[in-house]
């Protein structure tokens, strides 16, 4: 599983009987994953630099992992590495937040949410020339002493189109490429916010 994060999907795969290798660039994320997953191999590496030393029956990259790769050459390199490491008949599955979602829904908007134990502001700036969305999140979380602790996260994602992804997958050697709207087997639409790809 590429960009496995804290291992929520990884654990569900293991629960279903799969042997899983989790790859993520964040050592903090992998430390959280290691706390709850005891029987998976976890590797701290940039997934665009990950060159597997063995064959896998499937590669999975979920919840916007691909959007964090903002340079076409880096994404192509990753796709090629995946293709070369797939067993015969193996499958590569991933999803993206669509260009429409990052440009028109998240866009340059600010979102605020307030609950009893957490408050956050989510400020975004979309740069259409580069199809890049820059996101700044500020969290205030209630701790056990009754005080709020503030922490900040910054995320940068690229709004890839379905056509761009298909072109890179073909260059990487994939010959069967299927795409679906979120949580369905229908074809993606202009207003689809998430697109799922299944490739061989």
C-alpha atoms as a PDB file:
ATOM      1  CA  UNK A   1       0.000   0.000   0.000  1.00  0.00           C
ATOM      2  CA  UNK A   2       1.548   3.288  -1.149  1.00  0.00           C
ATOM      3  CA  UNK A   3       1.026   6.400   1.014  1.00  0.00           C
ATOM      4  CA  UNK A   4      -0.367   4.151   3.737  1.00  0.00           C
ATOM      5  CA  UNK A   5      -0.348   6.911   6.372  1.00  0.00           C
ATOM      6  CA  UNK A   6      -1.379   5.714   9.829  1.00  0.00           C
ATOM      7  CA  UNK A   7      -2.397   2.322   8.455  1.00  0.00           C
ATOM      8  CA  UNK A   8      -6.198   2.435   8.646  1.00  0.00           C
ATOM      9  CA  UNK A   9      -6.621   0.795   5.231  1.00  0.00           C
ATOM     10  CA  UNK A  10      -3.565  -1.400   5.839  1.00  0.00           C
ATOM     11  CA  UNK A  11      -5.170  -2.941   8.913  1.00  0.00           C
ATOM     12  CA  UNK A  12      -8.396  -3.682   7.050  1.00  0.00           C
ATOM     13  CA  UNK A  13      -6.443  -5.456   4.327  1.00  0.00           C
ATOM     14  CA  UNK A  14      -4.612  -7.535   6.936  1.00  0.00           C
ATOM     15  CA  UNK A  15      -7.930  -8.373   8.626  1.00  0.00           C
ATOM     16  CA  UNK A  16      -9.045  -9.801   5.275  1.00  0.00           C
ATOM     17  CA  UNK A  17      -6.030 -12.081   5.101  1.00  0.00           C
ATOM     18  CA  UNK A  18      -3.648 -10.117   2.868  1.00  0.00           C
ATOM     19  CA  UNK A  19       0.100  -9.823   3.430  1.00  0.00           C
ATOM     20  CA  UNK A  20       0.777  -6.093   3.202  1.00  0.00           C
ATOM     21  CA  UNK A  21       3.794  -3.831   2.827  1.00  0.00           C
ATOM     22  CA  UNK A  22       3.007  -0.239   3.814  1.00  0.00           C
ATOM     23  CA  UNK A  23       5.018   2.615   2.278  1.00  0.00           C
ATOM     24  CA  UNK A  24       4.886   6.244   3.408  1.00  0.00           C
ATOM     25  CA  UNK A  25       7.175   9.276   3.387  1.00  0.00           C
ATOM     26  CA  UNK A  26       6.196  10.338   6.931  1.00  0.00           C
ATOM     27  CA  UNK A  27       7.990   8.678   9.849  1.00  0.00           C
ATOM     28  CA  UNK A  28       5.377  10.115  12.225  1.00  0.00           C
ATOM     29  CA  UNK A  29       2.556   8.508  10.244  1.00  0.00           C
ATOM     30  CA  UNK A  30       4.373   5.176  10.172  1.00  0.00           C
ATOM     31  CA  UNK A  31       5.024   5.342  13.922  1.00  0.00           C
ATOM     32  CA  UNK A  32       1.263   5.668  14.449  1.00  0.00           C
ATOM     33  CA  UNK A  33       0.713   2.773  12.042  1.00  0.00           C
ATOM     34  CA  UNK A  34       3.230   0.601  13.898  1.00  0.00           C
ATOM     35  CA  UNK A  35       1.361   1.170  17.160  1.00  0.00           C
ATOM     36  CA  UNK A  36      -1.782  -0.470  15.800  1.00  0.00           C
ATOM     37  CA  UNK A  37      -0.411  -2.879  13.179  1.00  0.00           C
ATOM     38  CA  UNK A  38       1.848  -5.681  14.348  1.00  0.00           C
ATOM     39  CA  UNK A  39       2.097  -7.902  11.284  1.00  0.00           C
ATOM     40  CA  UNK A  40       2.881  -5.658   8.303  1.00  0.00           C
ATOM     41  CA  UNK A  41       6.167  -4.533   6.820  1.00  0.00           C
ATOM     42  CA  UNK A  42       6.374  -0.730   7.004  1.00  0.00           C
ATOM     43  CA  UNK A  43       8.848   1.279   4.945  1.00  0.00           C
ATOM     44  CA  UNK A  44       9.633   5.005   5.264  1.00  0.00           C
ATOM     45  CA  UNK A  45      10.324   6.230   1.745  1.00  0.00           C
ATOM     46  CA  UNK A  46       8.956   8.606  -0.860  1.00  0.00           C
ATOM     47  CA  UNK A  47       6.639   6.404  -2.939  1.00  0.00           C
ATOM     48  CA  UNK A  48       7.924   7.999  -6.155  1.00  0.00           C
ATOM     49  CA  UNK A  49      11.386   6.679  -5.232  1.00  0.00           C
ATOM     50  CA  UNK A  50      10.210   3.232  -4.092  1.00  0.00           C
ATOM     51  CA  UNK A  51      11.758   0.506  -6.288  1.00  0.00           C
ATOM     52  CA  UNK A  52      10.372  -2.835  -5.054  1.00  0.00           C
ATOM     53  CA  UNK A  53      12.803  -5.741  -4.836  1.00  0.00           C
ATOM     54  CA  UNK A  54      10.074  -8.340  -5.258  1.00  0.00           C
ATOM     55  CA  UNK A  55       6.829  -8.821  -7.154  1.00  0.00           C
ATOM     56  CA  UNK A  56       3.447  -7.904  -5.678  1.00  0.00           C
ATOM     57  CA  UNK A  57      -0.013  -9.105  -6.688  1.00  0.00           C
ATOM     58  CA  UNK A  58      -1.500  -5.658  -6.128  1.00  0.00           C
ATOM     59  CA  UNK A  59      -0.590  -2.060  -5.416  1.00  0.00           C
ATOM     60  CA  UNK A  60      -3.004   0.264  -3.652  1.00  0.00           C
ATOM     61  CA  UNK A  61      -2.831   4.044  -3.152  1.00  0.00           C
ATOM     62  CA  UNK A  62      -5.906   5.590  -1.550  1.00  0.00           C
ATOM     63  CA  UNK A  63      -7.248   8.889  -0.194  1.00  0.00           C
ATOM     64  CA  UNK A  64      -5.467  11.430  -2.429  1.00  0.00           C
ATOM     65  CA  UNK A  65      -1.994   9.876  -2.285  1.00  0.00           C
ATOM     66  CA  UNK A  66      -1.523  10.499  -6.014  1.00  0.00           C
ATOM     67  CA  UNK A  67      -2.558  14.170  -5.655  1.00  0.00           C
ATOM     68  CA  UNK A  68       0.489  14.805  -3.468  1.00  0.00           C
ATOM     69  CA  UNK A  69       2.729  13.990  -6.445  1.00  0.00           C
ATOM     70  CA  UNK A  70       2.770  17.327  -8.256  1.00  0.00           C
ATOM     71  CA  UNK A  71       5.426  16.737 -10.953  1.00  0.00           C
ATOM     72  CA  UNK A  72       4.512  14.638 -14.046  1.00  0.00           C
ATOM     73  CA  UNK A  73       7.979  13.071 -14.322  1.00  0.00           C
ATOM     74  CA  UNK A  74       7.813  11.898 -10.701  1.00  0.00           C
ATOM     75  CA  UNK A  75       4.362  10.381 -11.174  1.00  0.00           C
ATOM     76  CA  UNK A  76       5.468   8.628 -14.362  1.00  0.00           C
ATOM     77  CA  UNK A  77       8.492   7.186 -12.546  1.00  0.00           C
ATOM     78  CA  UNK A  78       6.222   5.874  -9.798  1.00  0.00           C
ATOM     79  CA  UNK A  79       3.800   4.325 -12.306  1.00  0.00           C
ATOM     80  CA  UNK A  80       6.708   2.611 -14.102  1.00  0.00           C
ATOM     81  CA  UNK A  81       8.071   1.223 -10.823  1.00  0.00           C
ATOM     82  CA  UNK A  82       4.644  -0.151  -9.942  1.00  0.00           C
ATOM     83  CA  UNK A  83       4.169  -1.711 -13.384  1.00  0.00           C
ATOM     84  CA  UNK A  84       7.578  -3.389 -13.239  1.00  0.00           C
ATOM     85  CA  UNK A  85       6.842  -4.833  -9.783  1.00  0.00           C
ATOM     86  CA  UNK A  86       3.393  -6.264 -10.548  1.00  0.00           C
ATOM     87  CA  UNK A  87       3.016 -10.020 -10.790  1.00  0.00           C
ATOM     88  CA  UNK A  88       1.405 -11.445 -13.928  1.00  0.00           C
ATOM     89  CA  UNK A  89      -2.269 -10.496 -13.720  1.00  0.00           C
ATOM     90  CA  UNK A  90      -1.555  -8.066 -10.879  1.00  0.00           C
ATOM     91  CA  UNK A  91      -3.688  -4.980 -10.321  1.00  0.00           C
ATOM     92  CA  UNK A  92      -2.884  -1.347  -9.493  1.00  0.00           C
ATOM     93  CA  UNK A  93      -5.742   0.537  -7.787  1.00  0.00           C
ATOM     94  CA  UNK A  94      -5.771   4.169  -6.680  1.00  0.00           C
ATOM     95  CA  UNK A  95      -8.003   7.188  -6.381  1.00  0.00           C
ATOM     96  CA  UNK A  96      -7.590  10.923  -6.911  1.00  0.00           C
ATOM     97  CA  UNK A  97      -9.432  14.032  -5.858  1.00  0.00           C
ATOM     98  CA  UNK A  98     -10.477  15.361  -9.240  1.00  0.00           C
ATOM     99  CA  UNK A  99      -9.292  18.599 -10.777  1.00  0.00           C
ATOM    100  CA  UNK A 100     -12.904  19.808 -10.445  1.00  0.00           C
ATOM    101  CA  UNK A 101     -12.881  19.168  -6.693  1.00  0.00           C
ATOM    102  CA  UNK A 102      -9.566  20.897  -6.026  1.00  0.00           C
ATOM    103  CA  UNK A 103     -10.322  23.842  -8.333  1.00  0.00           C
ATOM    104  CA  UNK A 104     -14.068  24.409  -7.899  1.00  0.00           C
ATOM    105  CA  UNK A 105     -15.034  22.859  -4.549  1.00  0.00           C
ATOM    106  CA  UNK A 106     -11.975  23.404  -2.353  1.00  0.00           C
ATOM    107  CA  UNK A 107     -10.582  26.146  -4.574  1.00  0.00           C
ATOM    108  CA  UNK A 108      -9.460  29.312  -2.802  1.00  0.00           C
ATOM    109  CA  UNK A 109     -12.068  28.894  -0.086  1.00  0.00           C
ATOM    110  CA  UNK A 110     -11.808  28.849   3.690  1.00  0.00           C
ATOM    111  CA  UNK A 111     -13.694  26.300   5.799  1.00  0.00           C
ATOM    112  CA  UNK A 112     -14.336  26.575   9.530  1.00  0.00           C
ATOM    113  CA  UNK A 113     -15.552  23.812  11.826  1.00  0.00           C
ATOM    114  CA  UNK A 114     -16.222  24.038  15.536  1.00  0.00           C
ATOM    115  CA  UNK A 115     -17.096  21.170  17.869  1.00  0.00           C
ATOM    116  CA  UNK A 116     -16.821  20.658  21.614  1.00  0.00           C
ATOM    117  CA  UNK A 117     -13.310  19.183  21.581  1.00  0.00           C
ATOM    118  CA  UNK A 118     -11.869  20.566  18.348  1.00  0.00           C
ATOM    119  CA  UNK A 119     -11.910  23.739  16.273  1.00  0.00           C
ATOM    120  CA  UNK A 120     -10.204  24.081  12.930  1.00  0.00           C
ATOM    121  CA  UNK A 121      -9.783  26.521  10.084  1.00  0.00           C
ATOM    122  CA  UNK A 122      -8.912  25.263   6.602  1.00  0.00           C
ATOM    123  CA  UNK A 123      -7.554  27.995   4.315  1.00  0.00           C
ATOM    124  CA  UNK A 124      -6.926  27.188   0.654  1.00  0.00           C
ATOM    125  CA  UNK A 125      -5.338  28.852  -2.344  1.00  0.00           C
ATOM    126  CA  UNK A 126      -5.738  27.361  -5.819  1.00  0.00           C
ATOM    127  CA  UNK A 127      -3.163  28.298  -8.470  1.00  0.00           C
ATOM    128  CA  UNK A 128      -4.867  27.537 -11.773  1.00  0.00           C
ATOM    129  CA  UNK A 129      -1.722  28.074 -13.870  1.00  0.00           C
ATOM    130  CA  UNK A 130      -0.116  25.089 -12.143  1.00  0.00           C
ATOM    131  CA  UNK A 131      -3.292  23.197 -11.085  1.00  0.00           C
ATOM    132  CA  UNK A 132      -1.956  23.313  -7.525  1.00  0.00           C
ATOM    133  CA  UNK A 133      -4.014  23.678  -4.353  1.00  0.00           C
ATOM    134  CA  UNK A 134      -2.155  24.898  -1.276  1.00  0.00           C
ATOM    135  CA  UNK A 135      -3.955  24.069   1.990  1.00  0.00           C
ATOM    136  CA  UNK A 136      -3.218  25.427   5.464  1.00  0.00           C
ATOM    137  CA  UNK A 137      -5.050  23.828   8.393  1.00  0.00           C
ATOM    138  CA  UNK A 138      -4.999  25.125  11.961  1.00  0.00           C
ATOM    139  CA  UNK A 139      -6.350  22.845  14.691  1.00  0.00           C
ATOM    140  CA  UNK A 140      -7.231  23.651  18.293  1.00  0.00           C
ATOM    141  CA  UNK A 141      -7.764  20.396  20.186  1.00  0.00           C
ATOM    142  CA  UNK A 142      -9.055  20.075  23.766  1.00  0.00           C
ATOM    143  CA  UNK A 143      -6.666  18.072  25.925  1.00  0.00           C
ATOM    144  CA  UNK A 144      -7.214  16.204  29.199  1.00  0.00           C
ATOM    145  CA  UNK A 145      -6.393  19.310  31.273  1.00  0.00           C
ATOM    146  CA  UNK A 146      -9.209  21.293  29.690  1.00  0.00           C
ATOM    147  CA  UNK A 147      -6.882  23.424  27.584  1.00  0.00           C
ATOM    148  CA  UNK A 148      -6.754  23.708  23.821  1.00  0.00           C
ATOM    149  CA  UNK A 149      -3.534  22.805  22.037  1.00  0.00           C
ATOM    150  CA  UNK A 150      -2.879  24.345  18.613  1.00  0.00           C
ATOM    151  CA  UNK A 151      -1.127  22.591  15.759  1.00  0.00           C
ATOM    152  CA  UNK A 152      -0.801  23.324  12.068  1.00  0.00           C
ATOM    153  CA  UNK A 153      -0.615  21.285   8.869  1.00  0.00           C
ATOM    154  CA  UNK A 154       0.192  22.348   5.319  1.00  0.00           C
ATOM    155  CA  UNK A 155      -0.751  20.230   2.302  1.00  0.00           C
ATOM    156  CA  UNK A 156      -0.040  20.753  -1.385  1.00  0.00           C
ATOM    157  CA  UNK A 157      -1.971  18.779  -3.979  1.00  0.00           C
ATOM    158  CA  UNK A 158      -2.156  18.797  -7.751  1.00  0.00           C
ATOM    159  CA  UNK A 159      -5.463  18.643  -9.622  1.00  0.00           C
ATOM    160  CA  UNK A 160      -4.823  15.888 -12.169  1.00  0.00           C
ATOM    161  CA  UNK A 161      -7.339  15.311 -14.950  1.00  0.00           C
ATOM    162  CA  UNK A 162      -8.486  11.824 -15.886  1.00  0.00           C
ATOM    163  CA  UNK A 163      -6.851  12.285 -19.306  1.00  0.00           C
ATOM    164  CA  UNK A 164      -3.480  13.234 -17.775  1.00  0.00           C
ATOM    165  CA  UNK A 165      -3.513  10.189 -15.510  1.00  0.00           C
ATOM    166  CA  UNK A 166      -4.434   7.878 -18.391  1.00  0.00           C
ATOM    167  CA  UNK A 167      -1.621   9.279 -20.548  1.00  0.00           C
ATOM    168  CA  UNK A 168       0.989   8.681 -17.840  1.00  0.00           C
ATOM    169  CA  UNK A 169      -0.322   5.175 -17.119  1.00  0.00           C
ATOM    170  CA  UNK A 170      -0.070   4.265 -20.818  1.00  0.00           C
ATOM    171  CA  UNK A 171       3.490   5.638 -20.985  1.00  0.00           C
ATOM    172  CA  UNK A 172       4.310   3.457 -17.966  1.00  0.00           C
ATOM    173  CA  UNK A 173       3.127   0.352 -19.818  1.00  0.00           C
ATOM    174  CA  UNK A 174      -0.396  -0.215 -18.489  1.00  0.00           C
ATOM    175  CA  UNK A 175      -2.691  -1.491 -21.239  1.00  0.00           C
ATOM    176  CA  UNK A 176      -5.943  -1.971 -19.302  1.00  0.00           C
ATOM    177  CA  UNK A 177      -7.084   1.209 -17.566  1.00  0.00           C
ATOM    178  CA  UNK A 178     -10.538   1.521 -16.007  1.00  0.00           C
ATOM    179  CA  UNK A 179     -11.900   4.570 -14.193  1.00  0.00           C
ATOM    180  CA  UNK A 180     -14.974   4.960 -11.997  1.00  0.00           C
ATOM    181  CA  UNK A 181     -16.900   7.616 -10.157  1.00  0.00           C
ATOM    182  CA  UNK A 182     -16.589   7.505  -6.365  1.00  0.00           C
ATOM    183  CA  UNK A 183     -18.247   4.491  -4.692  1.00  0.00           C
ATOM    184  CA  UNK A 184     -19.779   3.250  -7.949  1.00  0.00           C
ATOM    185  CA  UNK A 185     -18.979   1.457 -11.187  1.00  0.00           C
ATOM    186  CA  UNK A 186     -20.250   4.374 -13.241  1.00  0.00           C
ATOM    187  CA  UNK A 187     -17.950   6.381 -15.496  1.00  0.00           C
ATOM    188  CA  UNK A 188     -16.553   9.620 -14.041  1.00  0.00           C
ATOM    189  CA  UNK A 189     -18.562  12.753 -14.785  1.00  0.00           C
ATOM    190  CA  UNK A 190     -17.530  16.386 -15.157  1.00  0.00           C
ATOM    191  CA  UNK A 191     -18.585  17.048 -11.569  1.00  0.00           C
ATOM    192  CA  UNK A 192     -17.094  13.881 -10.064  1.00  0.00           C
ATOM    193  CA  UNK A 193     -15.104  14.820  -6.979  1.00  0.00           C
ATOM    194  CA  UNK A 194     -13.200  11.545  -6.706  1.00  0.00           C
ATOM    195  CA  UNK A 195     -12.107   9.177  -9.463  1.00  0.00           C
ATOM    196  CA  UNK A 196     -10.992   5.594  -8.885  1.00  0.00           C
ATOM    197  CA  UNK A 197      -8.590   3.855 -11.310  1.00  0.00           C
ATOM    198  CA  UNK A 198      -8.029   0.127 -11.748  1.00  0.00           C
ATOM    199  CA  UNK A 199      -5.136  -0.818 -14.030  1.00  0.00           C
ATOM    200  CA  UNK A 200      -3.233  -3.822 -15.367  1.00  0.00           C
END
